[in-house]
Amino acid sequence: MENLYNKSMEQQKLPNATLILVFGILSIVSCCCYGIIGLVFGVIGLILANKATKIYAQDPDLFTGINNIKLGKTLSIIGIVLNVLVAIFFIWIISIIGWDALQNEELMRERMEEYFQNMQ
């Protein structure tokens, strides 16, 4: 029993475990911001998760919090994929209606109607 108590006292939390989890969540939540902000959060979360995983792999008995690292890494990957898809979607929309139409609702409506009429 004493050995278990000493072992738990020696364990440290992995660096940035909570931050990695927060970055993973933020990368998914902020995917509606044209795919740029969420992409930044996802990449930073993934980089930090890889560093923490390497630290954990050196001595697994010394650290706790690997579950947060794994979950944050998974969320960061999902966030990166979502943000890339959103960025591609916005690039596609801009290529169809043009940058100037994003600021003018009437022009946007006209160009969208033209696009859908040409599809038929």
C-alpha atoms as a PDB file:
ATOM      1  CA  MET A   1       0.000   0.000   0.000  1.00  0.00           C
ATOM      2  CA  GLU A   2       2.828   2.375   0.861  1.00  0.00           C
ATOM      3  CA  ASN A   3       4.480   1.690  -2.512  1.00  0.00           C
ATOM      4  CA  LEU A   4       1.289   2.716  -4.340  1.00  0.00           C
ATOM      5  CA  TYR A   5       1.083   5.904  -2.278  1.00  0.00           C
ATOM      6  CA  ASN A   6       4.700   6.842  -3.043  1.00  0.00           C
ATOM      7  CA  LYS A   7       4.220   6.092  -6.725  1.00  0.00           C
ATOM      8  CA  SER A   8       1.174   8.383  -6.967  1.00  0.00           C
ATOM      9  CA  MET A   9       3.022  11.135  -5.133  1.00  0.00           C
ATOM     10  CA  GLU A  10       5.841  11.018  -7.670  1.00  0.00           C
ATOM     11  CA  GLN A  11       3.571  11.247 -10.730  1.00  0.00           C
ATOM     12  CA  GLN A  12       3.266  14.595 -12.458  1.00  0.00           C
ATOM     13  CA  LYS A  13       0.597  15.855 -14.776  1.00  0.00           C
ATOM     14  CA  LEU A  14       1.711  15.958 -18.403  1.00  0.00           C
ATOM     15  CA  PRO A  15       2.551  19.486 -19.543  1.00  0.00           C
ATOM     16  CA  ASN A  16      -0.263  21.337 -21.343  1.00  0.00           C
ATOM     17  CA  ALA A  17      -2.732  18.439 -20.981  1.00  0.00           C
ATOM     18  CA  THR A  18      -5.672  20.738 -20.287  1.00  0.00           C
ATOM     19  CA  LEU A  19      -4.520  23.288 -22.859  1.00  0.00           C
ATOM     20  CA  ILE A  20      -4.369  20.607 -25.565  1.00  0.00           C
ATOM     21  CA  LEU A  21      -7.922  19.573 -24.730  1.00  0.00           C
ATOM     22  CA  VAL A  22      -9.097  23.208 -24.853  1.00  0.00           C
ATOM     23  CA  PHE A  23      -7.367  23.786 -28.214  1.00  0.00           C
ATOM     24  CA  GLY A  24      -9.032  20.656 -29.617  1.00  0.00           C
ATOM     25  CA  ILE A  25     -12.451  21.871 -28.501  1.00  0.00           C
ATOM     26  CA  LEU A  26     -11.816  25.398 -29.805  1.00  0.00           C
ATOM     27  CA  SER A  27     -10.713  24.049 -33.184  1.00  0.00           C
ATOM     28  CA  ILE A  28     -14.089  22.356 -33.624  1.00  0.00           C
ATOM     29  CA  VAL A  29     -16.186  25.195 -32.211  1.00  0.00           C
ATOM     30  CA  SER A  30     -14.470  27.873 -34.288  1.00  0.00           C
ATOM     31  CA  CYS A  31     -14.728  26.047 -37.620  1.00  0.00           C
ATOM     32  CA  CYS A  32     -17.432  28.521 -38.667  1.00  0.00           C
ATOM     33  CA  CYS A  33     -14.849  31.360 -38.694  1.00  0.00           C
ATOM     34  CA  TYR A  34     -13.935  30.792 -42.366  1.00  0.00           C
ATOM     35  CA  GLY A  35     -11.813  27.791 -41.367  1.00  0.00           C
ATOM     36  CA  ILE A  36      -8.767  29.868 -40.441  1.00  0.00           C
ATOM     37  CA  ILE A  37      -8.998  30.400 -36.684  1.00  0.00           C
ATOM     38  CA  GLY A  38     -10.026  26.824 -35.971  1.00  0.00           C
ATOM     39  CA  LEU A  39      -7.247  25.536 -38.183  1.00  0.00           C
ATOM     40  CA  VAL A  40      -4.711  27.453 -36.105  1.00  0.00           C
ATOM     41  CA  PHE A  41      -6.139  26.038 -32.853  1.00  0.00           C
ATOM     42  CA  GLY A  42      -6.153  22.521 -34.284  1.00  0.00           C
ATOM     43  CA  VAL A  43      -2.568  22.645 -35.526  1.00  0.00           C
ATOM     44  CA  ILE A  44      -1.273  24.083 -32.240  1.00  0.00           C
ATOM     45  CA  GLY A  45      -3.220  21.448 -30.294  1.00  0.00           C
ATOM     46  CA  LEU A  46      -1.834  18.670 -32.486  1.00  0.00           C
ATOM     47  CA  ILE A  47       1.757  19.890 -32.136  1.00  0.00           C
ATOM     48  CA  LEU A  48       1.455  20.172 -28.357  1.00  0.00           C
ATOM     49  CA  ALA A  49      -0.193  16.734 -28.170  1.00  0.00           C
ATOM     50  CA  ASN A  50       2.632  15.134 -30.141  1.00  0.00           C
ATOM     51  CA  LYS A  51       5.227  16.711 -27.838  1.00  0.00           C
ATOM     52  CA  ALA A  52       3.351  15.558 -24.731  1.00  0.00           C
ATOM     53  CA  THR A  53       2.974  12.044 -26.152  1.00  0.00           C
ATOM     54  CA  LYS A  54       6.747  11.849 -26.707  1.00  0.00           C
ATOM     55  CA  ILE A  55       7.365  12.961 -23.131  1.00  0.00           C
ATOM     56  CA  TYR A  56       4.906  10.356 -21.866  1.00  0.00           C
ATOM     57  CA  ALA A  57       6.492   7.606 -23.976  1.00  0.00           C
ATOM     58  CA  GLN A  58       9.873   8.191 -22.324  1.00  0.00           C
ATOM     59  CA  ASP A  59       8.546   7.279 -18.857  1.00  0.00           C
ATOM     60  CA  PRO A  60       4.836   6.428 -18.647  1.00  0.00           C
ATOM     61  CA  ASP A  61       4.957   5.733 -14.896  1.00  0.00           C
ATOM     62  CA  LEU A  62       6.067   9.280 -14.167  1.00  0.00           C
ATOM     63  CA  PHE A  63       3.135  11.121 -15.774  1.00  0.00           C
ATOM     64  CA  THR A  64      -0.651  11.262 -15.605  1.00  0.00           C
ATOM     65  CA  GLY A  65      -3.159  12.900 -17.936  1.00  0.00           C
ATOM     66  CA  ILE A  66      -2.525  10.893 -21.081  1.00  0.00           C
ATOM     67  CA  ASN A  67      -6.295  10.533 -21.613  1.00  0.00           C
ATOM     68  CA  ASN A  68      -6.643  14.318 -21.957  1.00  0.00           C
ATOM     69  CA  ILE A  69      -3.754  14.302 -24.419  1.00  0.00           C
ATOM     70  CA  LYS A  70      -5.324  11.552 -26.538  1.00  0.00           C
ATOM     71  CA  LEU A  71      -8.750  13.202 -26.510  1.00  0.00           C
ATOM     72  CA  GLY A  72      -7.270  16.631 -27.296  1.00  0.00           C
ATOM     73  CA  LYS A  73      -5.279  15.135 -30.171  1.00  0.00           C
ATOM     74  CA  THR A  74      -8.385  13.446 -31.581  1.00  0.00           C
ATOM     75  CA  LEU A  75     -10.423  16.641 -31.278  1.00  0.00           C
ATOM     76  CA  SER A  76      -7.617  18.623 -32.922  1.00  0.00           C
ATOM     77  CA  ILE A  77      -7.538  16.232 -35.877  1.00  0.00           C
ATOM     78  CA  ILE A  78     -11.327  16.428 -36.244  1.00  0.00           C
ATOM     79  CA  GLY A  79     -11.106  20.223 -35.980  1.00  0.00           C
ATOM     80  CA  ILE A  80      -8.388  20.405 -38.641  1.00  0.00           C
ATOM     81  CA  VAL A  81     -10.450  18.288 -41.049  1.00  0.00           C
ATOM     82  CA  LEU A  82     -13.603  20.356 -40.427  1.00  0.00           C
ATOM     83  CA  ASN A  83     -11.735  23.630 -40.852  1.00  0.00           C
ATOM     84  CA  VAL A  84     -10.104  22.523 -44.088  1.00  0.00           C
ATOM     85  CA  LEU A  85     -13.527  21.530 -45.425  1.00  0.00           C
ATOM     86  CA  VAL A  86     -15.005  24.891 -44.362  1.00  0.00           C
ATOM     87  CA  ALA A  87     -12.103  26.768 -45.975  1.00  0.00           C
ATOM     88  CA  ILE A  88     -12.582  24.817 -49.214  1.00  0.00           C
ATOM     89  CA  PHE A  89     -16.306  25.575 -49.099  1.00  0.00           C
ATOM     90  CA  PHE A  90     -15.696  29.319 -48.677  1.00  0.00           C
ATOM     91  CA  ILE A  91     -13.136  29.345 -51.474  1.00  0.00           C
ATOM     92  CA  TRP A  92     -15.689  27.587 -53.682  1.00  0.00           C
ATOM     93  CA  ILE A  93     -18.410  30.102 -52.758  1.00  0.00           C
ATOM     94  CA  ILE A  94     -16.087  33.038 -53.433  1.00  0.00           C
ATOM     95  CA  SER A  95     -15.153  31.546 -56.801  1.00  0.00           C
ATOM     96  CA  ILE A  96     -18.842  31.303 -57.723  1.00  0.00           C
ATOM     97  CA  ILE A  97     -20.192  34.646 -56.537  1.00  0.00           C
ATOM     98  CA  GLY A  98     -17.040  36.741 -56.205  1.00  0.00           C
ATOM     99  CA  TRP A  99     -15.530  38.630 -53.321  1.00  0.00           C
ATOM    100  CA  ASP A 100     -17.548  41.788 -53.964  1.00  0.00           C
ATOM    101  CA  ALA A 101     -20.850  39.915 -53.692  1.00  0.00           C
ATOM    102  CA  LEU A 102     -20.076  38.864 -50.129  1.00  0.00           C
ATOM    103  CA  GLN A 103     -20.556  42.477 -49.049  1.00  0.00           C
ATOM    104  CA  ASN A 104     -23.665  43.133 -51.136  1.00  0.00           C
ATOM    105  CA  GLU A 105     -26.692  40.955 -50.416  1.00  0.00           C
ATOM    106  CA  GLU A 106     -28.546  41.908 -53.612  1.00  0.00           C
ATOM    107  CA  LEU A 107     -25.530  41.150 -55.807  1.00  0.00           C
ATOM    108  CA  MET A 108     -25.046  37.854 -53.985  1.00  0.00           C
ATOM    109  CA  ARG A 109     -28.663  36.872 -54.654  1.00  0.00           C
ATOM    110  CA  GLU A 110     -28.339  37.745 -58.358  1.00  0.00           C
ATOM    111  CA  ARG A 111     -25.145  35.746 -58.813  1.00  0.00           C
ATOM    112  CA  MET A 112     -26.524  32.746 -56.962  1.00  0.00           C
ATOM    113  CA  GLU A 113     -29.633  32.787 -59.151  1.00  0.00           C
ATOM    114  CA  GLU A 114     -27.438  32.982 -62.256  1.00  0.00           C
ATOM    115  CA  TYR A 115     -25.335  30.072 -61.016  1.00  0.00           C
ATOM    116  CA  PHE A 116     -28.331  27.844 -60.353  1.00  0.00           C
ATOM    117  CA  GLN A 117     -29.968  28.761 -63.668  1.00  0.00           C
ATOM    118  CA  ASN A 118     -26.775  27.807 -65.526  1.00  0.00           C
ATOM    119  CA  MET A 119     -26.743  24.448 -63.722  1.00  0.00           C
ATOM    120  CA  GLN A 120     -30.132  23.502 -65.168  1.00  0.00           C
END
